[in-house]
Amino acid sequence: MGTNSQYEGGMGRIGGEVMYWDKNDDGTTNIFPGGMPGARPHDHIVVNEDGGVEYMRIDGKVINDYRDYHG
Protein backbone atom coordinates (compact mmCIF):
# COMPACT_ATOMS: atom_id res chain seq x y z
CA MET A 1 0.00 0.00 0.00
CA GLY A 2 1.05 3.60 -0.41
CA THR A 3 2.64 5.85 2.16
CA ASN A 4 1.08 8.90 3.81
CA SER A 5 4.02 11.01 5.04
CA GLN A 6 1.92 14.19 5.44
CA TYR A 7 -1.18 12.70 7.08
CA GLU A 8 -4.41 13.63 5.37
CA GLY A 9 -7.48 11.59 6.21
CA GLY A 10 -10.48 11.24 8.44
CA MET A 11 -14.03 10.02 8.72
CA GLY A 12 -16.63 10.86 6.10
CA ARG A 13 -19.83 9.71 4.45
CA ILE A 14 -20.22 8.21 1.01
CA GLY A 15 -23.72 7.27 -0.04
CA GLY A 16 -24.92 7.63 3.55
CA GLU A 17 -22.34 5.16 4.95
CA VAL A 18 -19.64 6.21 7.42
CA MET A 19 -16.17 5.49 6.07
CA TYR A 20 -12.57 6.20 7.06
CA TRP A 21 -10.27 7.52 4.34
CA ASP A 22 -6.64 8.58 3.98
CA LYS A 23 -4.48 9.84 1.13
CA ASN A 24 -1.29 8.23 -0.13
CA ASP A 25 1.73 10.25 -1.28
CA ASP A 26 1.13 8.99 -4.85
CA GLY A 27 -2.24 10.77 -4.96
CA THR A 28 -4.40 7.69 -4.43
CA THR A 29 -6.96 7.54 -1.63
CA ASN A 30 -7.67 4.56 0.63
CA ILE A 31 -11.32 4.12 1.61
CA PHE A 32 -12.32 1.78 4.44
CA PRO A 33 -16.09 1.15 4.59
CA GLY A 34 -17.11 0.54 8.18
CA GLY A 35 -14.58 2.93 9.71
CA MET A 36 -10.94 2.65 10.77
CA PRO A 37 -9.57 -0.78 9.87
CA GLY A 38 -7.41 -1.57 12.90
CA ALA A 39 -6.30 -5.21 13.08
CA ARG A 40 -9.69 -6.72 12.23
CA PRO A 41 -10.53 -7.96 8.72
CA HIS A 42 -11.80 -5.01 6.71
CA ASP A 43 -12.98 -3.95 3.29
CA HIS A 44 -10.51 -1.73 1.43
CA ILE A 45 -10.88 0.37 -1.72
CA VAL A 46 -8.13 2.44 -3.39
CA VAL A 47 -9.13 5.14 -5.89
CA ASN A 48 -6.85 7.28 -8.05
CA GLU A 49 -6.98 11.04 -8.55
CA ASP A 50 -9.44 10.59 -11.44
CA GLY A 51 -11.84 8.56 -9.28
CA GLY A 52 -10.95 5.23 -10.90
CA VAL A 53 -10.88 2.18 -8.64
CA GLU A 54 -7.36 0.69 -8.55
CA TYR A 55 -7.92 -1.91 -5.82
CA MET A 56 -10.92 -3.40 -4.06
CA ARG A 57 -11.15 -6.05 -1.33
CA ILE A 58 -14.62 -6.92 -0.05
CA ASP A 59 -15.42 -9.68 2.47
CA GLY A 60 -11.77 -10.81 2.38
CA LYS A 61 -11.72 -11.32 -1.40
CA VAL A 62 -9.72 -9.14 -3.79
CA ILE A 63 -12.24 -8.07 -6.43
CA ASN A 64 -9.73 -6.17 -8.58
CA ASP A 65 -6.12 -4.99 -8.35
CA TYR A 66 -4.99 -2.63 -11.10
CA ARG A 67 -2.09 -1.06 -9.17
CA ASP A 68 1.30 -1.04 -10.88
CA TYR A 69 4.02 -1.69 -8.31
CA HIS A 70 6.79 -1.55 -10.90
CA GLY A 71 6.21 2.02 -12.07
PDB file of N, CA and C in Angstrom:
ATOM      1  N   MET A   1       0.835  -1.167   0.000  1.00  0.00           N
ATOM      2  CA  MET A   1       0.000   0.000   0.000  1.00  0.00           C
ATOM      3  C   MET A   1       0.889   1.242   0.000  1.00  0.00           C
ATOM      4  N   GLY A   2       0.306   2.363  -0.338  1.00  0.00           N
ATOM      5  CA  GLY A   2       1.050   3.603  -0.408  1.00  0.00           C
ATOM      6  C   GLY A   2       1.412   4.154   0.950  1.00  0.00           C
ATOM      7  N   THR A   3       2.260   5.177   0.915  1.00  0.00           N
ATOM      8  CA  THR A   3       2.642   5.846   2.155  1.00  0.00           C
ATOM      9  C   THR A   3       1.889   7.159   2.287  1.00  0.00           C
ATOM     10  N   ASN A   4       1.814   7.675   3.499  1.00  0.00           N
ATOM     11  CA  ASN A   4       1.080   8.905   3.808  1.00  0.00           C
ATOM     12  C   ASN A   4       1.963   9.724   4.744  1.00  0.00           C
ATOM     13  N   SER A   5       3.049  10.326   4.193  1.00  0.00           N
ATOM     14  CA  SER A   5       4.021  11.014   5.040  1.00  0.00           C
ATOM     15  C   SER A   5       3.482  12.321   5.619  1.00  0.00           C
ATOM     16  N   GLN A   6       2.561  12.965   4.947  1.00  0.00           N
ATOM     17  CA  GLN A   6       1.920  14.186   5.442  1.00  0.00           C
ATOM     18  C   GLN A   6       0.458  13.832   5.669  1.00  0.00           C
ATOM     19  N   TYR A   7       0.143  13.294   6.842  1.00  0.00           N
ATOM     20  CA  TYR A   7      -1.177  12.701   7.077  1.00  0.00           C
ATOM     21  C   TYR A   7      -2.320  13.588   6.616  1.00  0.00           C
ATOM     22  N   GLU A   8      -3.159  13.006   5.789  1.00  0.00           N
ATOM     23  CA  GLU A   8      -4.407  13.628   5.369  1.00  0.00           C
ATOM     24  C   GLU A   8      -5.446  12.517   5.340  1.00  0.00           C
ATOM     25  N   GLY A   9      -6.456  12.626   6.155  1.00  0.00           N
ATOM     26  CA  GLY A   9      -7.484  11.593   6.214  1.00  0.00           C
ATOM     27  C   GLY A   9      -8.515  11.919   7.265  1.00  0.00           C
ATOM     28  N   GLY A  10      -9.455  11.029   7.433  1.00  0.00           N
ATOM     29  CA  GLY A  10     -10.481  11.237   8.439  1.00  0.00           C
ATOM     30  C   GLY A  10     -11.712  10.403   8.164  1.00  0.00           C
ATOM     31  N   MET A  11     -12.756  10.698   8.894  1.00  0.00           N
ATOM     32  CA  MET A  11     -14.033  10.017   8.722  1.00  0.00           C
ATOM     33  C   MET A  11     -14.892  10.841   7.769  1.00  0.00           C
ATOM     34  N   GLY A  12     -15.727  10.168   7.011  1.00  0.00           N
ATOM     35  CA  GLY A  12     -16.626  10.856   6.098  1.00  0.00           C
ATOM     36  C   GLY A  12     -17.791   9.959   5.733  1.00  0.00           C
ATOM     37  N   ARG A  13     -18.663  10.470   4.914  1.00  0.00           N
ATOM     38  CA  ARG A  13     -19.826   9.705   4.453  1.00  0.00           C
ATOM     39  C   ARG A  13     -19.798   9.626   2.931  1.00  0.00           C
ATOM     40  N   ILE A  14     -20.052   8.435   2.440  1.00  0.00           N
ATOM     41  CA  ILE A  14     -20.218   8.212   1.012  1.00  0.00           C
ATOM     42  C   ILE A  14     -21.499   7.410   0.860  1.00  0.00           C
ATOM     43  N   GLY A  15     -22.449   7.960   0.149  1.00  0.00           N
ATOM     44  CA  GLY A  15     -23.721   7.268  -0.037  1.00  0.00           C
ATOM     45  C   GLY A  15     -24.430   6.958   1.264  1.00  0.00           C
ATOM     46  N   GLY A  16     -24.259   7.821   2.271  1.00  0.00           N
ATOM     47  CA  GLY A  16     -24.924   7.629   3.553  1.00  0.00           C
ATOM     48  C   GLY A  16     -24.194   6.714   4.517  1.00  0.00           C
ATOM     49  N   GLU A  17     -23.109   6.048   4.075  1.00  0.00           N
ATOM     50  CA  GLU A  17     -22.342   5.159   4.953  1.00  0.00           C
ATOM     51  C   GLU A  17     -21.130   5.895   5.517  1.00  0.00           C
ATOM     52  N   VAL A  18     -20.825   5.634   6.790  1.00  0.00           N
ATOM     53  CA  VAL A  18     -19.640   6.209   7.420  1.00  0.00           C
ATOM     54  C   VAL A  18     -18.423   5.410   6.973  1.00  0.00           C
ATOM     55  N   MET A  19     -17.387   6.133   6.541  1.00  0.00           N
ATOM     56  CA  MET A  19     -16.166   5.493   6.066  1.00  0.00           C
ATOM     57  C   MET A  19     -14.962   6.277   6.562  1.00  0.00           C
ATOM     58  N   TYR A  20     -13.850   5.565   6.762  1.00  0.00           N
ATOM     59  CA  TYR A  20     -12.571   6.203   7.058  1.00  0.00           C
ATOM     60  C   TYR A  20     -11.796   6.282   5.747  1.00  0.00           C
ATOM     61  N   TRP A  21     -11.078   7.372   5.541  1.00  0.00           N
ATOM     62  CA  TRP A  21     -10.268   7.519   4.345  1.00  0.00           C
ATOM     63  C   TRP A  21      -8.932   8.146   4.706  1.00  0.00           C
ATOM     64  N   ASP A  22      -7.910   7.869   3.882  1.00  0.00           N
ATOM     65  CA  ASP A  22      -6.643   8.580   3.983  1.00  0.00           C
ATOM     66  C   ASP A  22      -5.975   8.601   2.619  1.00  0.00           C
ATOM     67  N   LYS A  23      -5.151   9.646   2.415  1.00  0.00           N
ATOM     68  CA  LYS A  23      -4.482   9.842   1.133  1.00  0.00           C
ATOM     69  C   LYS A  23      -3.084   9.248   1.181  1.00  0.00           C
ATOM     70  N   ASN A  24      -2.652   8.709   0.044  1.00  0.00           N
ATOM     71  CA  ASN A  24      -1.285   8.234  -0.126  1.00  0.00           C
ATOM     72  C   ASN A  24      -0.465   9.308  -0.827  1.00  0.00           C
ATOM     73  N   ASP A  25       0.849   9.264  -0.658  1.00  0.00           N
ATOM     74  CA  ASP A  25       1.729  10.246  -1.282  1.00  0.00           C
ATOM     75  C   ASP A  25       1.639  10.222  -2.810  1.00  0.00           C
ATOM     76  N   ASP A  26       1.236   9.084  -3.396  1.00  0.00           N
ATOM     77  CA  ASP A  26       1.135   8.987  -4.854  1.00  0.00           C
ATOM     78  C   ASP A  26      -0.171   9.565  -5.401  1.00  0.00           C
ATOM     79  N   GLY A  27      -0.999  10.154  -4.534  1.00  0.00           N
ATOM     80  CA  GLY A  27      -2.242  10.774  -4.963  1.00  0.00           C
ATOM     81  C   GLY A  27      -3.459   9.873  -4.870  1.00  0.00           C
ATOM     82  N   THR A  28      -3.255   8.585  -4.590  1.00  0.00           N
ATOM     83  CA  THR A  28      -4.395   7.689  -4.429  1.00  0.00           C
ATOM     84  C   THR A  28      -5.008   7.871  -3.044  1.00  0.00           C
ATOM     85  N   THR A  29      -6.246   7.436  -2.895  1.00  0.00           N
ATOM     86  CA  THR A  29      -6.964   7.543  -1.630  1.00  0.00           C
ATOM     87  C   THR A  29      -7.443   6.167  -1.204  1.00  0.00           C
ATOM     88  N   ASN A  30      -7.153   5.795   0.039  1.00  0.00           N
ATOM     89  CA  ASN A  30      -7.669   4.562   0.633  1.00  0.00           C
ATOM     90  C   ASN A  30      -9.027   4.864   1.240  1.00  0.00           C
ATOM     91  N   ILE A  31      -9.992   3.995   1.009  1.00  0.00           N
ATOM     92  CA  ILE A  31     -11.316   4.119   1.608  1.00  0.00           C
ATOM     93  C   ILE A  31     -11.603   2.818   2.342  1.00  0.00           C
ATOM     94  N   PHE A  32     -12.017   2.940   3.609  1.00  0.00           N
ATOM     95  CA  PHE A  32     -12.316   1.783   4.437  1.00  0.00           C
ATOM     96  C   PHE A  32     -13.772   1.850   4.891  1.00  0.00           C
ATOM     97  N   PRO A  33     -14.692   1.193   4.146  1.00  0.00           N
ATOM     98  CA  PRO A  33     -16.088   1.152   4.586  1.00  0.00           C
ATOM     99  C   PRO A  33     -16.168   0.535   5.979  1.00  0.00           C
ATOM    100  N   GLY A  34     -16.980   1.078   6.831  1.00  0.00           N
ATOM    101  CA  GLY A  34     -17.109   0.540   8.182  1.00  0.00           C
ATOM    102  C   GLY A  34     -16.216   1.220   9.196  1.00  0.00           C
ATOM    103  N   GLY A  35     -15.420   2.199   8.774  1.00  0.00           N
ATOM    104  CA  GLY A  35     -14.583   2.926   9.714  1.00  0.00           C
ATOM    105  C   GLY A  35     -13.132   2.498   9.686  1.00  0.00           C
ATOM    106  N   MET A  36     -12.373   2.933  10.701  1.00  0.00           N
ATOM    107  CA  MET A  36     -10.942   2.650  10.768  1.00  0.00           C
ATOM    108  C   MET A  36     -10.708   1.149  10.803  1.00  0.00           C
ATOM    109  N   PRO A  37      -9.747   0.660   9.999  1.00  0.00           N
ATOM    110  CA  PRO A  37      -9.575  -0.780   9.872  1.00  0.00           C
ATOM    111  C   PRO A  37      -8.986  -1.481  11.088  1.00  0.00           C
ATOM    112  N   GLY A  38      -8.031  -0.883  11.776  1.00  0.00           N
ATOM    113  CA  GLY A  38      -7.406  -1.572  12.903  1.00  0.00           C
ATOM    114  C   GLY A  38      -6.849  -2.921  12.473  1.00  0.00           C
ATOM    115  N   ALA A  39      -6.858  -3.890  13.369  1.00  0.00           N
ATOM    116  CA  ALA A  39      -6.302  -5.210  13.079  1.00  0.00           C
ATOM    117  C   ALA A  39      -7.363  -6.190  12.585  1.00  0.00           C
ATOM    118  N   ARG A  40      -8.622  -5.803  12.637  1.00  0.00           N
ATOM    119  CA  ARG A  40      -9.686  -6.720  12.233  1.00  0.00           C
ATOM    120  C   ARG A  40      -9.749  -6.829  10.706  1.00  0.00           C
ATOM    121  N   PRO A  41     -10.322  -7.898  10.176  1.00  0.00           N
ATOM    122  CA  PRO A  41     -10.528  -7.959   8.722  1.00  0.00           C
ATOM    123  C   PRO A  41     -11.395  -6.775   8.285  1.00  0.00           C
ATOM    124  N   HIS A  42     -11.074  -6.202   7.143  1.00  0.00           N
ATOM    125  CA  HIS A  42     -11.798  -5.007   6.714  1.00  0.00           C
ATOM    126  C   HIS A  42     -11.848  -4.920   5.194  1.00  0.00           C
ATOM    127  N   ASP A  43     -12.889  -4.257   4.707  1.00  0.00           N
ATOM    128  CA  ASP A  43     -12.985  -3.951   3.290  1.00  0.00           C
ATOM    129  C   ASP A  43     -12.042  -2.787   3.006  1.00  0.00           C
ATOM    130  N   HIS A  44     -11.500  -2.750   1.776  1.00  0.00           N
ATOM    131  CA  HIS A  44     -10.512  -1.725   1.428  1.00  0.00           C
ATOM    132  C   HIS A  44     -10.666  -1.390  -0.050  1.00  0.00           C
ATOM    133  N   ILE A  45     -10.772  -0.114  -0.350  1.00  0.00           N
ATOM    134  CA  ILE A  45     -10.877   0.370  -1.724  1.00  0.00           C
ATOM    135  C   ILE A  45      -9.811   1.442  -1.915  1.00  0.00           C
ATOM    136  N   VAL A  46      -9.112   1.405  -3.050  1.00  0.00           N
ATOM    137  CA  VAL A  46      -8.134   2.442  -3.392  1.00  0.00           C
ATOM    138  C   VAL A  46      -8.592   3.090  -4.694  1.00  0.00           C
ATOM    139  N   VAL A  47      -8.749   4.413  -4.676  1.00  0.00           N
ATOM    140  CA  VAL A  47      -9.125   5.144  -5.889  1.00  0.00           C
ATOM    141  C   VAL A  47      -8.013   6.107  -6.272  1.00  0.00           C
ATOM    142  N   ASN A  48      -7.870   6.341  -7.587  1.00  0.00           N
ATOM    143  CA  ASN A  48      -6.847   7.276  -8.050  1.00  0.00           C
ATOM    144  C   ASN A  48      -7.413   8.687  -8.117  1.00  0.00           C
ATOM    145  N   GLU A  49      -6.581   9.632  -8.531  1.00  0.00           N
ATOM    146  CA  GLU A  49      -6.984  11.041  -8.553  1.00  0.00           C
ATOM    147  C   GLU A  49      -8.145  11.315  -9.505  1.00  0.00           C
ATOM    148  N   ASP A  50      -8.341  10.433 -10.486  1.00  0.00           N
ATOM    149  CA  ASP A  50      -9.440  10.590 -11.445  1.00  0.00           C
ATOM    150  C   ASP A  50     -10.710   9.884 -10.990  1.00  0.00           C
ATOM    151  N   GLY A  51     -10.670   9.260  -9.805  1.00  0.00           N
ATOM    152  CA  GLY A  51     -11.841   8.556  -9.283  1.00  0.00           C
ATOM    153  C   GLY A  51     -11.945   7.110  -9.724  1.00  0.00           C
ATOM    154  N   GLY A  52     -10.946   6.630 -10.461  1.00  0.00           N
ATOM    155  CA  GLY A  52     -10.954   5.233 -10.895  1.00  0.00           C
ATOM    156  C   GLY A  52     -10.547   4.304  -9.763  1.00  0.00           C
ATOM    157  N   VAL A  53     -11.201   3.159  -9.675  1.00  0.00           N
ATOM    158  CA  VAL A  53     -10.882   2.178  -8.638  1.00  0.00           C
ATOM    159  C   VAL A  53      -9.661   1.378  -9.071  1.00  0.00           C
ATOM    160  N   GLU A  54      -8.583   1.424  -8.257  1.00  0.00           N
ATOM    161  CA  GLU A  54      -7.364   0.687  -8.547  1.00  0.00           C
ATOM    162  C   GLU A  54      -7.288  -0.632  -7.782  1.00  0.00           C
ATOM    163  N   TYR A  55      -7.975  -0.709  -6.652  1.00  0.00           N
ATOM    164  CA  TYR A  55      -7.916  -1.914  -5.817  1.00  0.00           C
ATOM    165  C   TYR A  55      -9.202  -1.993  -5.020  1.00  0.00           C
ATOM    166  N   MET A  56      -9.720  -3.222  -4.879  1.00  0.00           N
ATOM    167  CA  MET A  56     -10.924  -3.401  -4.063  1.00  0.00           C
ATOM    168  C   MET A  56     -10.891  -4.794  -3.422  1.00  0.00           C
ATOM    169  N   ARG A  57     -11.032  -4.796  -2.086  1.00  0.00           N
ATOM    170  CA  ARG A  57     -11.147  -6.049  -1.330  1.00  0.00           C
ATOM    171  C   ARG A  57     -12.429  -5.956  -0.509  1.00  0.00           C
ATOM    172  N   ILE A  58     -13.343  -6.881  -0.739  1.00  0.00           N
ATOM    173  CA  ILE A  58     -14.625  -6.922  -0.048  1.00  0.00           C
ATOM    174  C   ILE A  58     -14.804  -8.319   0.540  1.00  0.00           C
ATOM    175  N   ASP A  59     -15.213  -8.394   1.791  1.00  0.00           N
ATOM    176  CA  ASP A  59     -15.421  -9.679   2.473  1.00  0.00           C
ATOM    177  C   ASP A  59     -14.212 -10.600   2.349  1.00  0.00           C
ATOM    178  N   GLY A  60     -12.998 -10.018   2.416  1.00  0.00           N
ATOM    179  CA  GLY A  60     -11.771 -10.805   2.384  1.00  0.00           C
ATOM    180  C   GLY A  60     -11.328 -11.253   1.004  1.00  0.00           C
ATOM    181  N   LYS A  61     -12.071 -10.909  -0.039  1.00  0.00           N
ATOM    182  CA  LYS A  61     -11.723 -11.318  -1.399  1.00  0.00           C
ATOM    183  C   LYS A  61     -11.306 -10.098  -2.214  1.00  0.00           C
ATOM    184  N   VAL A  62     -10.158 -10.215  -2.906  1.00  0.00           N
ATOM    185  CA  VAL A  62      -9.717  -9.144  -3.791  1.00  0.00           C
ATOM    186  C   VAL A  62     -10.582  -9.208  -5.047  1.00  0.00           C
ATOM    187  N   ILE A  63     -11.341  -8.149  -5.277  1.00  0.00           N
ATOM    188  CA  ILE A  63     -12.238  -8.070  -6.428  1.00  0.00           C
ATOM    189  C   ILE A  63     -11.466  -7.610  -7.662  1.00  0.00           C
ATOM    190  N   ASN A  64     -10.617  -6.610  -7.500  1.00  0.00           N
ATOM    191  CA  ASN A  64      -9.733  -6.173  -8.576  1.00  0.00           C
ATOM    192  C   ASN A  64      -8.486  -5.532  -7.986  1.00  0.00           C
ATOM    193  N   ASP A  65      -7.387  -5.594  -8.757  1.00  0.00           N
ATOM    194  CA  ASP A  65      -6.123  -4.987  -8.346  1.00  0.00           C
ATOM    195  C   ASP A  65      -5.418  -4.500  -9.603  1.00  0.00           C
ATOM    196  N   TYR A  66      -5.575  -3.215  -9.912  1.00  0.00           N
ATOM    197  CA  TYR A  66      -4.989  -2.626 -11.104  1.00  0.00           C
ATOM    198  C   TYR A  66      -3.755  -1.792 -10.792  1.00  0.00           C
ATOM    199  N   ARG A  67      -3.259  -1.865  -9.551  1.00  0.00           N
ATOM    200  CA  ARG A  67      -2.094  -1.062  -9.175  1.00  0.00           C
ATOM    201  C   ARG A  67      -0.853  -1.591  -9.876  1.00  0.00           C
ATOM    202  N   ASP A  68       0.047  -0.684 -10.216  1.00  0.00           N
ATOM    203  CA  ASP A  68       1.303  -1.038 -10.879  1.00  0.00           C
ATOM    204  C   ASP A  68       2.439  -0.778  -9.900  1.00  0.00           C
ATOM    205  N   TYR A  69       2.954  -1.836  -9.295  1.00  0.00           N
ATOM    206  CA  TYR A  69       4.024  -1.695  -8.306  1.00  0.00           C
ATOM    207  C   TYR A  69       5.383  -1.457  -8.950  1.00  0.00           C
ATOM    208  N   HIS A  70       5.487  -1.632 -10.251  1.00  0.00           N
ATOM    209  CA  HIS A  70       6.785  -1.553 -10.903  1.00  0.00           C
ATOM    210  C   HIS A  70       6.994  -0.235 -11.634  1.00  0.00           C
ATOM    211  N   GLY A  71       6.071   0.707 -11.460  1.00  0.00           N
ATOM    212  CA  GLY A  71       6.208   2.019 -12.074  1.00  0.00           C
ATOM    213  C   GLY A  71       5.992   1.947 -13.546  1.00  0.00           C
TER     214      GLY A  71
END
